[in-house]
Amino acid sequence: MLTGKQKRYLRSMGNGMDPILQVGKGGITETVVTQTNEALEARELIKGRVLQNYLEEPKTVADELAERVQAELVQVIGRNFLLFRPSKNKPVIVLP
């Protein structure tokens, strides 16, 4: 579980990031889960986007995806969300 200070730090890091993950009308498929796991292992902090053609609320989608990949949901703004999970092999981000 992340503290408020850690979430603020991660939000500031995610501010300039572009979304590298998209959840479309197919929803959260095994492919999306696999891509998310690989991206989190490589980068630890990723930004995703729920496309407008997907009818579910972005917060709900982000919560479900975070749960499936054992990551922390840092933030949801509009249709974008930030996920964080420390890397098992090579930690990149040092939290305060």
PDB file of N, CA and C in Angstrom:
ATOM      1  N   MET A   1       0.843  -1.191   0.000  1.00  0.00           N
ATOM      2  CA  MET A   1       0.000   0.000   0.000  1.00  0.00           C
ATOM      3  C   MET A   1       0.880   1.242   0.000  1.00  0.00           C
ATOM      4  N   LEU A   2       0.555   2.161  -0.868  1.00  0.00           N
ATOM      5  CA  LEU A   2       1.339   3.387  -0.990  1.00  0.00           C
ATOM      6  C   LEU A   2       0.824   4.462  -0.040  1.00  0.00           C
ATOM      7  N   THR A   3       1.744   5.255   0.476  1.00  0.00           N
ATOM      8  CA  THR A   3       1.360   6.388   1.315  1.00  0.00           C
ATOM      9  C   THR A   3       0.960   7.555   0.420  1.00  0.00           C
ATOM     10  N   GLY A   4       0.363   8.575   1.022  1.00  0.00           N
ATOM     11  CA  GLY A   4      -0.029   9.758   0.263  1.00  0.00           C
ATOM     12  C   GLY A   4       1.165  10.448  -0.370  1.00  0.00           C
ATOM     13  N   LYS A   5       2.265  10.507   0.368  1.00  0.00           N
ATOM     14  CA  LYS A   5       3.482  11.140  -0.143  1.00  0.00           C
ATOM     15  C   LYS A   5       4.025  10.375  -1.356  1.00  0.00           C
ATOM     16  N   GLN A   6       4.003   9.060  -1.287  1.00  0.00           N
ATOM     17  CA  GLN A   6       4.478   8.235  -2.399  1.00  0.00           C
ATOM     18  C   GLN A   6       3.586   8.403  -3.624  1.00  0.00           C
ATOM     19  N   LYS A   7       2.268   8.454  -3.410  1.00  0.00           N
ATOM     20  CA  LYS A   7       1.349   8.655  -4.535  1.00  0.00           C
ATOM     21  C   LYS A   7       1.569  10.014  -5.190  1.00  0.00           C
ATOM     22  N   ARG A   8       1.788  11.050  -4.388  1.00  0.00           N
ATOM     23  CA  ARG A   8       2.062  12.384  -4.947  1.00  0.00           C
ATOM     24  C   ARG A   8       3.324  12.349  -5.795  1.00  0.00           C
ATOM     25  N   TYR A   9       4.351  11.674  -5.303  1.00  0.00           N
ATOM     26  CA  TYR A   9       5.615  11.550  -6.028  1.00  0.00           C
ATOM     27  C   TYR A   9       5.399  10.835  -7.370  1.00  0.00           C
ATOM     28  N   LEU A  10       4.663   9.726  -7.338  1.00  0.00           N
ATOM     29  CA  LEU A  10       4.401   8.966  -8.567  1.00  0.00           C
ATOM     30  C   LEU A  10       3.521   9.759  -9.538  1.00  0.00           C
ATOM     31  N   ARG A  11       2.541  10.491  -9.013  1.00  0.00           N
ATOM     32  CA  ARG A  11       1.698  11.324  -9.889  1.00  0.00           C
ATOM     33  C   ARG A  11       2.531  12.376 -10.597  1.00  0.00           C
ATOM     34  N   SER A  12       3.490  12.970  -9.883  1.00  0.00           N
ATOM     35  CA  SER A  12       4.347  13.986 -10.509  1.00  0.00           C
ATOM     36  C   SER A  12       5.204  13.357 -11.603  1.00  0.00           C
ATOM     37  N   MET A  13       5.663  12.124 -11.387  1.00  0.00           N
ATOM     38  CA  MET A  13       6.449  11.430 -12.413  1.00  0.00           C
ATOM     39  C   MET A  13       5.593  11.089 -13.630  1.00  0.00           C
ATOM     40  N   GLY A  14       4.342  10.738 -13.401  1.00  0.00           N
ATOM     41  CA  GLY A  14       3.464  10.328 -14.474  1.00  0.00           C
ATOM     42  C   GLY A  14       2.877  11.480 -15.268  1.00  0.00           C
ATOM     43  N   ASN A  15       3.061  12.687 -14.759  1.00  0.00           N
ATOM     44  CA  ASN A  15       2.485  13.872 -15.389  1.00  0.00           C
ATOM     45  C   ASN A  15       2.893  14.028 -16.854  1.00  0.00           C
ATOM     46  N   GLY A  16       4.149  13.840 -17.170  1.00  0.00           N
ATOM     47  CA  GLY A  16       4.630  14.045 -18.535  1.00  0.00           C
ATOM     48  C   GLY A  16       4.612  12.800 -19.403  1.00  0.00           C
ATOM     49  N   MET A  17       4.152  11.686 -18.840  1.00  0.00           N
ATOM     50  CA  MET A  17       4.156  10.420 -19.578  1.00  0.00           C
ATOM     51  C   MET A  17       3.011  10.355 -20.584  1.00  0.00           C
ATOM     52  N   ASP A  18       3.245   9.640 -21.669  1.00  0.00           N
ATOM     53  CA  ASP A  18       2.191   9.339 -22.637  1.00  0.00           C
ATOM     54  C   ASP A  18       1.638   7.955 -22.321  1.00  0.00           C
ATOM     55  N   PRO A  19       0.346   7.734 -22.568  1.00  0.00           N
ATOM     56  CA  PRO A  19      -0.217   6.398 -22.336  1.00  0.00           C
ATOM     57  C   PRO A  19       0.442   5.356 -23.253  1.00  0.00           C
ATOM     58  N   ILE A  20       0.863   4.234 -22.659  1.00  0.00           N
ATOM     59  CA  ILE A  20       1.469   3.162 -23.449  1.00  0.00           C
ATOM     60  C   ILE A  20       0.549   1.948 -23.521  1.00  0.00           C
ATOM     61  N   LEU A  21      -0.585   2.033 -22.829  1.00  0.00           N
ATOM     62  CA  LEU A  21      -1.517   0.919 -22.755  1.00  0.00           C
ATOM     63  C   LEU A  21      -2.912   1.451 -23.056  1.00  0.00           C
ATOM     64  N   GLN A  22      -3.665   0.728 -23.888  1.00  0.00           N
ATOM     65  CA  GLN A  22      -5.027   1.147 -24.209  1.00  0.00           C
ATOM     66  C   GLN A  22      -5.993  -0.008 -23.995  1.00  0.00           C
ATOM     67  N   VAL A  23      -7.112   0.308 -23.339  1.00  0.00           N
ATOM     68  CA  VAL A  23      -8.173  -0.666 -23.154  1.00  0.00           C
ATOM     69  C   VAL A  23      -9.321  -0.216 -24.051  1.00  0.00           C
ATOM     70  N   GLY A  24      -9.631  -1.040 -25.055  1.00  0.00           N
ATOM     71  CA  GLY A  24     -10.658  -0.691 -26.030  1.00  0.00           C
ATOM     72  C   GLY A  24     -11.930  -1.482 -25.828  1.00  0.00           C
ATOM     73  N   LYS A  25     -12.696  -1.618 -26.890  1.00  0.00           N
ATOM     74  CA  LYS A  25     -14.002  -2.254 -26.789  1.00  0.00           C
ATOM     75  C   LYS A  25     -13.923  -3.727 -26.411  1.00  0.00           C
ATOM     76  N   GLY A  26     -12.763  -4.341 -26.588  1.00  0.00           N
ATOM     77  CA  GLY A  26     -12.592  -5.742 -26.184  1.00  0.00           C
ATOM     78  C   GLY A  26     -12.462  -5.913 -24.682  1.00  0.00           C
ATOM     79  N   GLY A  27     -12.232  -4.821 -23.974  1.00  0.00           N
ATOM     80  CA  GLY A  27     -12.112  -4.877 -22.519  1.00  0.00           C
ATOM     81  C   GLY A  27     -10.748  -5.372 -22.073  1.00  0.00           C
ATOM     82  N   ILE A  28     -10.712  -5.913 -20.869  1.00  0.00           N
ATOM     83  CA  ILE A  28      -9.460  -6.396 -20.294  1.00  0.00           C
ATOM     84  C   ILE A  28      -9.287  -7.862 -20.684  1.00  0.00           C
ATOM     85  N   THR A  29      -8.560  -8.071 -21.764  1.00  0.00           N
ATOM     86  CA  THR A  29      -8.309  -9.420 -22.261  1.00  0.00           C
ATOM     87  C   THR A  29      -6.996  -9.936 -21.676  1.00  0.00           C
ATOM     88  N   GLU A  30      -6.708 -11.199 -21.925  1.00  0.00           N
ATOM     89  CA  GLU A  30      -5.439 -11.770 -21.459  1.00  0.00           C
ATOM     90  C   GLU A  30      -4.254 -11.059 -22.108  1.00  0.00           C
ATOM     91  N   THR A  31      -4.420 -10.607 -23.346  1.00  0.00           N
ATOM     92  CA  THR A  31      -3.361  -9.868 -24.035  1.00  0.00           C
ATOM     93  C   THR A  31      -3.065  -8.556 -23.312  1.00  0.00           C
ATOM     94  N   VAL A  32      -4.115  -7.856 -22.906  1.00  0.00           N
ATOM     95  CA  VAL A  32      -3.940  -6.589 -22.179  1.00  0.00           C
ATOM     96  C   VAL A  32      -3.241  -6.843 -20.844  1.00  0.00           C
ATOM     97  N   VAL A  33      -3.629  -7.912 -20.158  1.00  0.00           N
ATOM     98  CA  VAL A  33      -3.007  -8.253 -18.870  1.00  0.00           C
ATOM     99  C   VAL A  33      -1.529  -8.585 -19.066  1.00  0.00           C
ATOM    100  N   THR A  34      -1.206  -9.348 -20.100  1.00  0.00           N
ATOM    101  CA  THR A  34       0.181  -9.711 -20.389  1.00  0.00           C
ATOM    102  C   THR A  34       1.010  -8.477 -20.723  1.00  0.00           C
ATOM    103  N   GLN A  35       0.470  -7.606 -21.580  1.00  0.00           N
ATOM    104  CA  GLN A  35       1.182  -6.373 -21.938  1.00  0.00           C
ATOM    105  C   GLN A  35       1.413  -5.495 -20.709  1.00  0.00           C
ATOM    106  N   THR A  36       0.411  -5.423 -19.837  1.00  0.00           N
ATOM    107  CA  THR A  36       0.524  -4.618 -18.628  1.00  0.00           C
ATOM    108  C   THR A  36       1.608  -5.177 -17.711  1.00  0.00           C
ATOM    109  N   ASN A  37       1.620  -6.498 -17.534  1.00  0.00           N
ATOM    110  CA  ASN A  37       2.651  -7.128 -16.693  1.00  0.00           C
ATOM    111  C   ASN A  37       4.056  -6.844 -17.229  1.00  0.00           C
ATOM    112  N   GLU A  38       4.224  -6.990 -18.534  1.00  0.00           N
ATOM    113  CA  GLU A  38       5.539  -6.745 -19.143  1.00  0.00           C
ATOM    114  C   GLU A  38       5.957  -5.283 -18.996  1.00  0.00           C
ATOM    115  N   ALA A  39       5.026  -4.369 -19.222  1.00  0.00           N
ATOM    116  CA  ALA A  39       5.337  -2.944 -19.118  1.00  0.00           C
ATOM    117  C   ALA A  39       5.668  -2.558 -17.677  1.00  0.00           C
ATOM    118  N   LEU A  40       4.932  -3.108 -16.716  1.00  0.00           N
ATOM    119  CA  LEU A  40       5.205  -2.802 -15.305  1.00  0.00           C
ATOM    120  C   LEU A  40       6.556  -3.354 -14.868  1.00  0.00           C
ATOM    121  N   GLU A  41       6.910  -4.532 -15.353  1.00  0.00           N
ATOM    122  CA  GLU A  41       8.210  -5.107 -14.988  1.00  0.00           C
ATOM    123  C   GLU A  41       9.347  -4.262 -15.557  1.00  0.00           C
ATOM    124  N   ALA A  42       9.155  -3.727 -16.752  1.00  0.00           N
ATOM    125  CA  ALA A  42      10.205  -2.933 -17.390  1.00  0.00           C
ATOM    126  C   ALA A  42      10.275  -1.510 -16.836  1.00  0.00           C
ATOM    127  N   ARG A  43       9.118  -0.894 -16.564  1.00  0.00           N
ATOM    128  CA  ARG A  43       9.092   0.531 -16.221  1.00  0.00           C
ATOM    129  C   ARG A  43       8.629   0.852 -14.810  1.00  0.00           C
ATOM    130  N   GLU A  44       7.906  -0.032 -14.180  1.00  0.00           N
ATOM    131  CA  GLU A  44       7.319   0.120 -12.850  1.00  0.00           C
ATOM    132  C   GLU A  44       6.124   1.081 -12.806  1.00  0.00           C
ATOM    133  N   LEU A  45       6.174   2.178 -13.520  1.00  0.00           N
ATOM    134  CA  LEU A  45       5.080   3.148 -13.542  1.00  0.00           C
ATOM    135  C   LEU A  45       4.622   3.307 -14.987  1.00  0.00           C
ATOM    136  N   ILE A  46       3.349   3.017 -15.238  1.00  0.00           N
ATOM    137  CA  ILE A  46       2.838   3.150 -16.603  1.00  0.00           C
ATOM    138  C   ILE A  46       1.534   3.931 -16.604  1.00  0.00           C
ATOM    139  N   LYS A  47       1.291   4.569 -17.739  1.00  0.00           N
ATOM    140  CA  LYS A  47       0.042   5.295 -17.929  1.00  0.00           C
ATOM    141  C   LYS A  47      -0.765   4.553 -18.977  1.00  0.00           C
ATOM    142  N   GLY A  48      -2.053   4.401 -18.681  1.00  0.00           N
ATOM    143  CA  GLY A  48      -2.955   3.744 -19.610  1.00  0.00           C
ATOM    144  C   GLY A  48      -4.145   4.629 -19.913  1.00  0.00           C
ATOM    145  N   ARG A  49      -4.880   4.222 -20.926  1.00  0.00           N
ATOM    146  CA  ARG A  49      -6.058   4.991 -21.333  1.00  0.00           C
ATOM    147  C   ARG A  49      -7.191   4.024 -21.663  1.00  0.00           C
ATOM    148  N   VAL A  50      -8.385   4.405 -21.237  1.00  0.00           N
ATOM    149  CA  VAL A  50      -9.587   3.663 -21.600  1.00  0.00           C
ATOM    150  C   VAL A  50     -10.207   4.413 -22.774  1.00  0.00           C
ATOM    151  N   LEU A  51     -10.314   3.743 -23.908  1.00  0.00           N
ATOM    152  CA  LEU A  51     -10.839   4.388 -25.106  1.00  0.00           C
ATOM    153  C   LEU A  51     -12.332   4.690 -24.968  1.00  0.00           C
ATOM    154  N   GLN A  52     -12.792   5.676 -25.723  1.00  0.00           N
ATOM    155  CA  GLN A  52     -14.185   6.117 -25.604  1.00  0.00           C
ATOM    156  C   GLN A  52     -15.184   5.079 -26.073  1.00  0.00           C
ATOM    157  N   ASN A  53     -14.756   4.147 -26.914  1.00  0.00           N
ATOM    158  CA  ASN A  53     -15.696   3.131 -27.391  1.00  0.00           C
ATOM    159  C   ASN A  53     -15.936   2.026 -26.362  1.00  0.00           C
ATOM    160  N   TYR A  54     -15.260   2.091 -25.216  1.00  0.00           N
ATOM    161  CA  TYR A  54     -15.495   1.142 -24.124  1.00  0.00           C
ATOM    162  C   TYR A  54     -16.419   1.818 -23.133  1.00  0.00           C
ATOM    163  N   LEU A  55     -17.566   1.210 -22.861  1.00  0.00           N
ATOM    164  CA  LEU A  55     -18.632   1.872 -22.117  1.00  0.00           C
ATOM    165  C   LEU A  55     -18.431   1.900 -20.608  1.00  0.00           C
ATOM    166  N   GLU A  56     -17.580   1.058 -20.091  1.00  0.00           N
ATOM    167  CA  GLU A  56     -17.359   0.982 -18.645  1.00  0.00           C
ATOM    168  C   GLU A  56     -16.611   2.230 -18.150  1.00  0.00           C
ATOM    169  N   GLU A  57     -16.835   2.578 -16.888  1.00  0.00           N
ATOM    170  CA  GLU A  57     -16.163   3.730 -16.287  1.00  0.00           C
ATOM    171  C   GLU A  57     -14.659   3.482 -16.194  1.00  0.00           C
ATOM    172  N   PRO A  58     -13.827   4.477 -16.515  1.00  0.00           N
ATOM    173  CA  PRO A  58     -12.369   4.309 -16.439  1.00  0.00           C
ATOM    174  C   PRO A  58     -11.878   3.870 -15.059  1.00  0.00           C
ATOM    175  N   LYS A  59     -12.479   4.367 -13.984  1.00  0.00           N
ATOM    176  CA  LYS A  59     -12.063   3.992 -12.622  1.00  0.00           C
ATOM    177  C   LYS A  59     -12.285   2.494 -12.393  1.00  0.00           C
ATOM    178  N   THR A  60     -13.407   1.993 -12.854  1.00  0.00           N
ATOM    179  CA  THR A  60     -13.720   0.574 -12.703  1.00  0.00           C
ATOM    180  C   THR A  60     -12.735  -0.291 -13.483  1.00  0.00           C
ATOM    181  N   VAL A  61     -12.449   0.125 -14.713  1.00  0.00           N
ATOM    182  CA  VAL A  61     -11.506  -0.618 -15.563  1.00  0.00           C
ATOM    183  C   VAL A  61     -10.118  -0.614 -14.941  1.00  0.00           C
ATOM    184  N   ALA A  62      -9.668   0.563 -14.481  1.00  0.00           N
ATOM    185  CA  ALA A  62      -8.340   0.682 -13.881  1.00  0.00           C
ATOM    186  C   ALA A  62      -8.232  -0.151 -12.601  1.00  0.00           C
ATOM    187  N   ASP A  63      -9.274  -0.143 -11.775  1.00  0.00           N
ATOM    188  CA  ASP A  63      -9.282  -0.961 -10.558  1.00  0.00           C
ATOM    189  C   ASP A  63      -9.161  -2.447 -10.880  1.00  0.00           C
ATOM    190  N   GLU A  64      -9.941  -2.889 -11.852  1.00  0.00           N
ATOM    191  CA  GLU A  64      -9.920  -4.310 -12.225  1.00  0.00           C
ATOM    192  C   GLU A  64      -8.564  -4.719 -12.787  1.00  0.00           C
ATOM    193  N   LEU A  65      -8.003  -3.876 -13.655  1.00  0.00           N
ATOM    194  CA  LEU A  65      -6.699  -4.192 -14.238  1.00  0.00           C
ATOM    195  C   LEU A  65      -5.614  -4.208 -13.162  1.00  0.00           C
ATOM    196  N   ALA A  66      -5.640  -3.244 -12.262  1.00  0.00           N
ATOM    197  CA  ALA A  66      -4.661  -3.198 -11.169  1.00  0.00           C
ATOM    198  C   ALA A  66      -4.740  -4.460 -10.310  1.00  0.00           C
ATOM    199  N   GLU A  67      -5.944  -4.910 -10.042  1.00  0.00           N
ATOM    200  CA  GLU A  67      -6.118  -6.115  -9.240  1.00  0.00           C
ATOM    201  C   GLU A  67      -5.577  -7.350  -9.969  1.00  0.00           C
ATOM    202  N   ARG A  68      -5.824  -7.426 -11.264  1.00  0.00           N
ATOM    203  CA  ARG A  68      -5.377  -8.603 -12.034  1.00  0.00           C
ATOM    204  C   ARG A  68      -3.868  -8.683 -12.183  1.00  0.00           C
ATOM    205  N   VAL A  69      -3.170  -7.555 -12.137  1.00  0.00           N
ATOM    206  CA  VAL A  69      -1.707  -7.570 -12.282  1.00  0.00           C
ATOM    207  C   VAL A  69      -0.996  -7.295 -10.958  1.00  0.00           C
ATOM    208  N   GLN A  70      -1.741  -7.261  -9.860  1.00  0.00           N
ATOM    209  CA  GLN A  70      -1.201  -6.981  -8.526  1.00  0.00           C
ATOM    210  C   GLN A  70      -0.404  -5.676  -8.494  1.00  0.00           C
ATOM    211  N   ALA A  71      -1.011  -4.618  -9.027  1.00  0.00           N
ATOM    212  CA  ALA A  71      -0.365  -3.300  -9.050  1.00  0.00           C
ATOM    213  C   ALA A  71      -1.196  -2.324  -8.222  1.00  0.00           C
ATOM    214  N   GLU A  72      -0.600  -1.186  -7.930  1.00  0.00           N
ATOM    215  CA  GLU A  72      -1.293  -0.119  -7.213  1.00  0.00           C
ATOM    216  C   GLU A  72      -1.859   0.871  -8.219  1.00  0.00           C
ATOM    217  N   LEU A  73      -3.119   1.214  -8.068  1.00  0.00           N
ATOM    218  CA  LEU A  73      -3.713   2.271  -8.874  1.00  0.00           C
ATOM    219  C   LEU A  73      -3.342   3.590  -8.216  1.00  0.00           C
ATOM    220  N   VAL A  74      -2.561   4.395  -8.920  1.00  0.00           N
ATOM    221  CA  VAL A  74      -2.062   5.653  -8.358  1.00  0.00           C
ATOM    222  C   VAL A  74      -3.053   6.782  -8.597  1.00  0.00           C
ATOM    223  N   GLN A  75      -3.623   6.829  -9.813  1.00  0.00           N
ATOM    224  CA  GLN A  75      -4.454   7.970 -10.163  1.00  0.00           C
ATOM    225  C   GLN A  75      -5.326   7.653 -11.367  1.00  0.00           C
ATOM    226  N   VAL A  76      -6.518   8.249 -11.383  1.00  0.00           N
ATOM    227  CA  VAL A  76      -7.386   8.220 -12.551  1.00  0.00           C
ATOM    228  C   VAL A  76      -7.812   9.650 -12.830  1.00  0.00           C
ATOM    229  N   ILE A  77      -7.487  10.137 -14.021  1.00  0.00           N
ATOM    230  CA  ILE A  77      -7.914  11.468 -14.447  1.00  0.00           C
ATOM    231  C   ILE A  77      -8.574  11.315 -15.810  1.00  0.00           C
ATOM    232  N   GLY A  78      -9.848  11.630 -15.875  1.00  0.00           N
ATOM    233  CA  GLY A  78     -10.583  11.466 -17.122  1.00  0.00           C
ATOM    234  C   GLY A  78     -10.573  10.007 -17.543  1.00  0.00           C
ATOM    235  N   ARG A  79     -10.034   9.731 -18.714  1.00  0.00           N
ATOM    236  CA  ARG A  79      -9.957   8.360 -19.220  1.00  0.00           C
ATOM    237  C   ARG A  79      -8.560   7.762 -19.047  1.00  0.00           C
ATOM    238  N   ASN A  80      -7.637   8.528 -18.435  1.00  0.00           N
ATOM    239  CA  ASN A  80      -6.263   8.063 -18.217  1.00  0.00           C
ATOM    240  C   ASN A  80      -6.083   7.574 -16.784  1.00  0.00           C
ATOM    241  N   PHE A  81      -5.171   6.612 -16.619  1.00  0.00           N
ATOM    242  CA  PHE A  81      -4.873   6.097 -15.283  1.00  0.00           C
ATOM    243  C   PHE A  81      -3.390   5.758 -15.175  1.00  0.00           C
ATOM    244  N   LEU A  82      -2.890   5.770 -13.936  1.00  0.00           N
ATOM    245  CA  LEU A  82      -1.497   5.421 -13.644  1.00  0.00           C
ATOM    246  C   LEU A  82      -1.471   4.179 -12.775  1.00  0.00           C
ATOM    247  N   LEU A  83      -0.619   3.222 -13.147  1.00  0.00           N
ATOM    248  CA  LEU A  83      -0.413   2.013 -12.361  1.00  0.00           C
ATOM    249  C   LEU A  83       1.050   1.931 -11.940  1.00  0.00           C
ATOM    250  N   PHE A  84       1.282   1.425 -10.727  1.00  0.00           N
ATOM    251  CA  PHE A  84       2.643   1.250 -10.225  1.00  0.00           C
ATOM    252  C   PHE A  84       2.781  -0.126  -9.602  1.00  0.00           C
ATOM    253  N   ARG A  85       3.904  -0.784  -9.927  1.00  0.00           N
ATOM    254  CA  ARG A  85       4.281  -2.035  -9.267  1.00  0.00           C
ATOM    255  C   ARG A  85       5.791  -2.116  -9.292  1.00  0.00           C
ATOM    256  N   PRO A  86       6.420  -2.274  -8.125  1.00  0.00           N
ATOM    257  CA  PRO A  86       7.882  -2.390  -8.103  1.00  0.00           C
ATOM    258  C   PRO A  86       8.344  -3.604  -8.901  1.00  0.00           C
ATOM    259  N   SER A  87       9.439  -3.433  -9.618  1.00  0.00           N
ATOM    260  CA  SER A  87      10.006  -4.513 -10.414  1.00  0.00           C
ATOM    261  C   SER A  87      10.622  -5.570  -9.505  1.00  0.00           C
ATOM    262  N   LYS A  88      10.455  -6.828  -9.875  1.00  0.00           N
ATOM    263  CA  LYS A  88      11.051  -7.908  -9.095  1.00  0.00           C
ATOM    264  C   LYS A  88      12.550  -8.029  -9.369  1.00  0.00           C
ATOM    265  N   ASN A  89      12.965  -7.714 -10.593  1.00  0.00           N
ATOM    266  CA  ASN A  89      14.348  -7.913 -11.000  1.00  0.00           C
ATOM    267  C   ASN A  89      15.237  -6.692 -10.820  1.00  0.00           C
ATOM    268  N   LYS A  90      14.777  -5.546 -11.297  1.00  0.00           N
ATOM    269  CA  LYS A  90      15.625  -4.355 -11.263  1.00  0.00           C
ATOM    270  C   LYS A  90      14.789  -3.126 -10.894  1.00  0.00           C
ATOM    271  N   PRO A  91      14.740  -2.786  -9.620  1.00  0.00           N
ATOM    272  CA  PRO A  91      13.991  -1.601  -9.222  1.00  0.00           C
ATOM    273  C   PRO A  91      14.493  -0.356  -9.923  1.00  0.00           C
ATOM    274  N   VAL A  92      13.579   0.422 -10.480  1.00  0.00           N
ATOM    275  CA  VAL A  92      13.917   1.630 -11.213  1.00  0.00           C
ATOM    276  C   VAL A  92      13.597   2.871 -10.379  1.00  0.00           C
ATOM    277  N   ILE A  93      12.442   2.859  -9.755  1.00  0.00           N
ATOM    278  CA  ILE A  93      11.955   4.027  -9.022  1.00  0.00           C
ATOM    279  C   ILE A  93      12.197   3.827  -7.533  1.00  0.00           C
ATOM    280  N   VAL A  94      12.815   4.823  -6.913  1.00  0.00           N
ATOM    281  CA  VAL A  94      13.027   4.817  -5.467  1.00  0.00           C
ATOM    282  C   VAL A  94      12.002   5.753  -4.846  1.00  0.00           C
ATOM    283  N   LEU A  95      11.105   5.183  -4.050  1.00  0.00           N
ATOM    284  CA  LEU A  95      10.052   5.983  -3.444  1.00  0.00           C
ATOM    285  C   LEU A  95      10.555   6.705  -2.205  1.00  0.00           C
ATOM    286  N   PRO A  96      10.024   7.910  -1.949  1.00  0.00           N
ATOM    287  CA  PRO A  96      10.412   8.642  -0.729  1.00  0.00           C
ATOM    288  C   PRO A  96       9.873   7.988   0.513  1.00  0.00           C
TER     289      PRO A  96
END
